[in-house]
Structures are given as C-alpha cells and as structure tokens.
Amino acid sequence: MARTRISSGSRFEEEIGYSRAVVDGDDIFVSGTTGYDYTTMTIVDDVVAQADQTFRNIAEALAKADATLDDVVRVLFIVPRRGDWEPCYPVIKKYLGKARPASTLIHALLQNDAMRIEIEVTARRQKKA
C-alpha cells in the first residue's frame, strides 16, 4: 500500500517540510500538533482551550485518513509548564477516554511561548468487518 501524506493547510508544513500526518497501511502517524486554529492561524492563551483545539486538529487529520480519535493507540504530550498539565485532564479524557492509548508526558519548551501544549498521536485503523 502506498504512503499517503495529509496536510492541515498550515503554513508551517510547507515552510518546514513535514506533513500533518502520514498514513502507511493501517498505521497513521500524526505530527506534534498544537492549539493553532489553522483557519485563522491564531492561538488562544488558555491551555485548556489549546488542548481542545489541538484534539480537534488531530481529529481532522485522522478523519482524512478514515480514522477517529478512538483509533489512537499511542499519544505523546509535551507541556512546557508543569502546572498546565492537570487542568488538561478533562479535555484528554473527553477525546481519548474511549481509546485509552499508551501515553507519555514530557515537559519541554515548544517552538514559541504562545504554545502551551503539543500532542502527537499514532493511530491504527480498525479492520472493517
């Protein structure tokens, strides 16, 4: 099966040279995604709102790969500020509570100070009966 690249339309993908997601067979690898609203190229300051937007961005990429957040098997969270992690719990449960993927959290700086959370996922499409 051919490899397919998925774009969100973000200018960063073209400028830097990466894809929002890559589909290889039934595996879907979604790049680290932040809370930018790609239609307006804006980001709000609130970490909870950023987490919500991030999951919506990821869900959109997965939909283009014929998958959903329920297909996520692995997730990596990157959060610069330790105090921002716990407020995101309800948002994470809202979007990943059914999938309950393997998970890792790293505290590290992101591309710019406006970004308060970055999320990377790996998903596997379910076999159709």
C-alpha atoms as a PDB file:
ATOM      1  CA  MET A   1       0.000   0.000   0.000  1.00  0.00           C
ATOM      2  CA  ALA A   2       1.304   3.451  -0.857  1.00  0.00           C
ATOM      3  CA  ARG A   3       2.256   6.021   1.722  1.00  0.00           C
ATOM      4  CA  THR A   4      -0.150   8.971   1.885  1.00  0.00           C
ATOM      5  CA  ARG A   5       0.639  12.414   3.270  1.00  0.00           C
ATOM      6  CA  ILE A   6      -2.072  14.543   4.886  1.00  0.00           C
ATOM      7  CA  SER A   7      -1.851  18.312   5.238  1.00  0.00           C
ATOM      8  CA  SER A   8      -3.821  20.609   7.533  1.00  0.00           C
ATOM      9  CA  GLY A   9      -3.102  23.583   5.308  1.00  0.00           C
ATOM     10  CA  SER A  10      -0.862  25.120   7.959  1.00  0.00           C
ATOM     11  CA  ARG A  11       1.873  27.293   6.500  1.00  0.00           C
ATOM     12  CA  PHE A  12       4.309  25.604   8.890  1.00  0.00           C
ATOM     13  CA  GLU A  13       4.073  22.313   6.998  1.00  0.00           C
ATOM     14  CA  GLU A  14       5.222  23.911   3.744  1.00  0.00           C
ATOM     15  CA  GLU A  15       7.804  26.200   5.355  1.00  0.00           C
ATOM     16  CA  ILE A  16       9.421  23.478   7.461  1.00  0.00           C
ATOM     17  CA  GLY A  17       8.847  20.486   5.175  1.00  0.00           C
ATOM     18  CA  TYR A  18       6.669  17.985   7.024  1.00  0.00           C
ATOM     19  CA  SER A  19       3.154  16.549   6.885  1.00  0.00           C
ATOM     20  CA  ARG A  20       0.421  16.837   9.496  1.00  0.00           C
ATOM     21  CA  ALA A  21       0.021  13.084   9.198  1.00  0.00           C
ATOM     22  CA  VAL A  22       1.412  10.167   7.248  1.00  0.00           C
ATOM     23  CA  VAL A  23      -0.627   7.058   6.520  1.00  0.00           C
ATOM     24  CA  ASP A  24       1.282   3.841   5.903  1.00  0.00           C
ATOM     25  CA  GLY A  25      -1.083   0.912   5.508  1.00  0.00           C
ATOM     26  CA  ASP A  26      -3.389   0.914   8.531  1.00  0.00           C
ATOM     27  CA  ASP A  27      -0.948   2.969  10.626  1.00  0.00           C
ATOM     28  CA  ILE A  28      -1.445   6.725  10.951  1.00  0.00           C
ATOM     29  CA  PHE A  29       1.281   8.922  12.380  1.00  0.00           C
ATOM     30  CA  VAL A  30       0.114  12.419  13.323  1.00  0.00           C
ATOM     31  CA  SER A  31       2.845  15.007  13.829  1.00  0.00           C
ATOM     32  CA  GLY A  32       3.120  17.003  17.002  1.00  0.00           C
ATOM     33  CA  THR A  33       0.106  19.295  16.858  1.00  0.00           C
ATOM     34  CA  THR A  34      -0.577  22.469  18.797  1.00  0.00           C
ATOM     35  CA  GLY A  35      -3.659  24.549  19.509  1.00  0.00           C
ATOM     36  CA  TYR A  36      -3.447  26.798  16.462  1.00  0.00           C
ATOM     37  CA  ASP A  37      -6.713  27.375  14.686  1.00  0.00           C
ATOM     38  CA  TYR A  38      -5.415  26.772  11.156  1.00  0.00           C
ATOM     39  CA  THR A  39      -8.275  28.658   9.516  1.00  0.00           C
ATOM     40  CA  THR A  40      -7.269  31.896  11.253  1.00  0.00           C
ATOM     41  CA  MET A  41      -3.666  30.997  12.204  1.00  0.00           C
ATOM     42  CA  THR A  42      -4.349  32.192  15.728  1.00  0.00           C
ATOM     43  CA  ILE A  43      -3.810  30.596  19.109  1.00  0.00           C
ATOM     44  CA  VAL A  44      -5.540  31.473  22.385  1.00  0.00           C
ATOM     45  CA  ASP A  45      -3.588  31.815  25.633  1.00  0.00           C
ATOM     46  CA  ASP A  46      -5.634  29.341  27.709  1.00  0.00           C
ATOM     47  CA  VAL A  47      -4.007  25.880  27.891  1.00  0.00           C
ATOM     48  CA  VAL A  48      -7.339  24.057  28.226  1.00  0.00           C
ATOM     49  CA  ALA A  49      -8.696  25.779  25.112  1.00  0.00           C
ATOM     50  CA  GLN A  50      -5.436  24.983  23.328  1.00  0.00           C
ATOM     51  CA  ALA A  51      -5.730  21.307  24.273  1.00  0.00           C
ATOM     52  CA  ASP A  52      -9.285  21.239  22.940  1.00  0.00           C
ATOM     53  CA  GLN A  53      -8.251  22.882  19.644  1.00  0.00           C
ATOM     54  CA  THR A  54      -5.281  20.529  19.386  1.00  0.00           C
ATOM     55  CA  PHE A  55      -7.544  17.487  19.605  1.00  0.00           C
ATOM     56  CA  ARG A  56      -9.889  18.986  17.011  1.00  0.00           C
ATOM     57  CA  ASN A  57      -6.878  19.497  14.709  1.00  0.00           C
ATOM     58  CA  ILE A  58      -5.774  15.903  15.269  1.00  0.00           C
ATOM     59  CA  ALA A  59      -9.313  14.579  14.730  1.00  0.00           C
ATOM     60  CA  GLU A  60      -9.468  16.420  11.411  1.00  0.00           C
ATOM     61  CA  ALA A  61      -6.205  14.829  10.259  1.00  0.00           C
ATOM     62  CA  LEU A  62      -7.399  11.388  11.369  1.00  0.00           C
ATOM     63  CA  ALA A  63     -10.702  11.851   9.530  1.00  0.00           C
ATOM     64  CA  LYS A  64      -8.764  12.474   6.313  1.00  0.00           C
ATOM     65  CA  ALA A  65      -7.131   9.083   6.975  1.00  0.00           C
ATOM     66  CA  ASP A  66     -10.510   7.386   7.536  1.00  0.00           C
ATOM     67  CA  ALA A  67      -9.910   7.096  11.292  1.00  0.00           C
ATOM     68  CA  THR A  68     -11.031   8.722  14.536  1.00  0.00           C
ATOM     69  CA  LEU A  69      -9.576   9.509  17.933  1.00  0.00           C
ATOM     70  CA  ASP A  70     -10.962   6.145  19.050  1.00  0.00           C
ATOM     71  CA  ASP A  71      -8.295   4.554  16.826  1.00  0.00           C
ATOM     72  CA  VAL A  72      -5.400   6.220  18.704  1.00  0.00           C
ATOM     73  CA  VAL A  73      -3.015   3.662  20.220  1.00  0.00           C
ATOM     74  CA  ARG A  74      -0.168   5.930  21.374  1.00  0.00           C
ATOM     75  CA  VAL A  75      -0.006   9.574  22.482  1.00  0.00           C
ATOM     76  CA  LEU A  76       2.835  11.888  23.422  1.00  0.00           C
ATOM     77  CA  PHE A  77       2.099  15.097  25.312  1.00  0.00           C
ATOM     78  CA  ILE A  78       4.627  17.919  25.514  1.00  0.00           C
ATOM     79  CA  VAL A  79       3.823  20.612  28.060  1.00  0.00           C
ATOM     80  CA  PRO A  80       6.302  23.395  28.910  1.00  0.00           C
ATOM     81  CA  ARG A  81       4.695  24.412  32.225  1.00  0.00           C
ATOM     82  CA  ARG A  82       4.150  21.661  34.784  1.00  0.00           C
ATOM     83  CA  GLY A  83       1.125  23.482  36.206  1.00  0.00           C
ATOM     84  CA  ASP A  84      -0.633  23.325  32.826  1.00  0.00           C
ATOM     85  CA  TRP A  85      -0.845  19.538  32.776  1.00  0.00           C
ATOM     86  CA  GLU A  86      -3.532  18.768  35.338  1.00  0.00           C
ATOM     87  CA  PRO A  87      -6.069  21.327  34.019  1.00  0.00           C
ATOM     88  CA  CYS A  88      -5.964  19.419  30.698  1.00  0.00           C
ATOM     89  CA  TYR A  89      -7.088  16.090  32.204  1.00  0.00           C
ATOM     90  CA  PRO A  90     -10.822  16.588  31.441  1.00  0.00           C
ATOM     91  CA  VAL A  91     -10.087  17.530  27.820  1.00  0.00           C
ATOM     92  CA  ILE A  92      -7.854  14.496  27.365  1.00  0.00           C
ATOM     93  CA  LYS A  93     -10.483  12.192  28.852  1.00  0.00           C
ATOM     94  CA  LYS A  94     -13.146  13.771  26.625  1.00  0.00           C
ATOM     95  CA  TYR A  95     -11.200  12.954  23.466  1.00  0.00           C
ATOM     96  CA  LEU A  96      -9.233   9.816  24.427  1.00  0.00           C
ATOM     97  CA  GLY A  97     -11.327   8.276  27.201  1.00  0.00           C
ATOM     98  CA  LYS A  98     -12.669   5.563  24.934  1.00  0.00           C
ATOM     99  CA  ALA A  99      -9.361   4.733  23.203  1.00  0.00           C
ATOM    100  CA  ARG A 100      -7.231   4.878  26.384  1.00  0.00           C
ATOM    101  CA  PRO A 101      -3.957   4.795  24.420  1.00  0.00           C
ATOM    102  CA  ALA A 102      -0.471   4.252  25.787  1.00  0.00           C
ATOM    103  CA  SER A 103       0.749   7.678  26.879  1.00  0.00           C
ATOM    104  CA  THR A 104       3.883   9.680  27.663  1.00  0.00           C
ATOM    105  CA  LEU A 105       4.246  13.211  29.032  1.00  0.00           C
ATOM    106  CA  ILE A 106       7.362  15.319  28.544  1.00  0.00           C
ATOM    107  CA  HIS A 107       7.967  18.765  29.998  1.00  0.00           C
ATOM    108  CA  ALA A 108       9.938  20.763  27.412  1.00  0.00           C
ATOM    109  CA  LEU A 109       9.912  24.123  25.686  1.00  0.00           C
ATOM    110  CA  LEU A 110       7.924  24.391  22.466  1.00  0.00           C
ATOM    111  CA  GLN A 111       8.551  26.429  19.293  1.00  0.00           C
ATOM    112  CA  ASN A 112       7.281  29.637  20.880  1.00  0.00           C
ATOM    113  CA  ASP A 113       5.912  30.772  24.226  1.00  0.00           C
ATOM    114  CA  ALA A 114       2.336  31.027  22.911  1.00  0.00           C
ATOM    115  CA  MET A 115       2.233  27.230  22.529  1.00  0.00           C
ATOM    116  CA  ARG A 116       1.323  25.633  25.854  1.00  0.00           C
ATOM    117  CA  ILE A 117       0.701  22.041  24.752  1.00  0.00           C
ATOM    118  CA  GLU A 118       1.722  19.861  21.828  1.00  0.00           C
ATOM    119  CA  ILE A 119       0.240  16.435  21.165  1.00  0.00           C
ATOM    120  CA  GLU A 120       1.489  13.693  18.843  1.00  0.00           C
ATOM    121  CA  VAL A 121      -0.520  10.537  18.191  1.00  0.00           C
ATOM    122  CA  THR A 122      -0.231   7.229  16.436  1.00  0.00           C
ATOM    123  CA  ALA A 123      -3.430   5.535  15.356  1.00  0.00           C
ATOM    124  CA  ARG A 124      -4.284   2.248  13.714  1.00  0.00           C
ATOM    125  CA  ARG A 125      -7.359   1.937  11.537  1.00  0.00           C
ATOM    126  CA  GLN A 126      -9.747  -0.772  12.596  1.00  0.00           C
ATOM    127  CA  LYS A 127     -10.294  -3.635  10.195  1.00  0.00           C
ATOM    128  CA  LYS A 128     -13.729  -3.429   8.656  1.00  0.00           C
ATOM    129  CA  ALA A 129     -15.869  -6.492   9.159  1.00  0.00           C
END
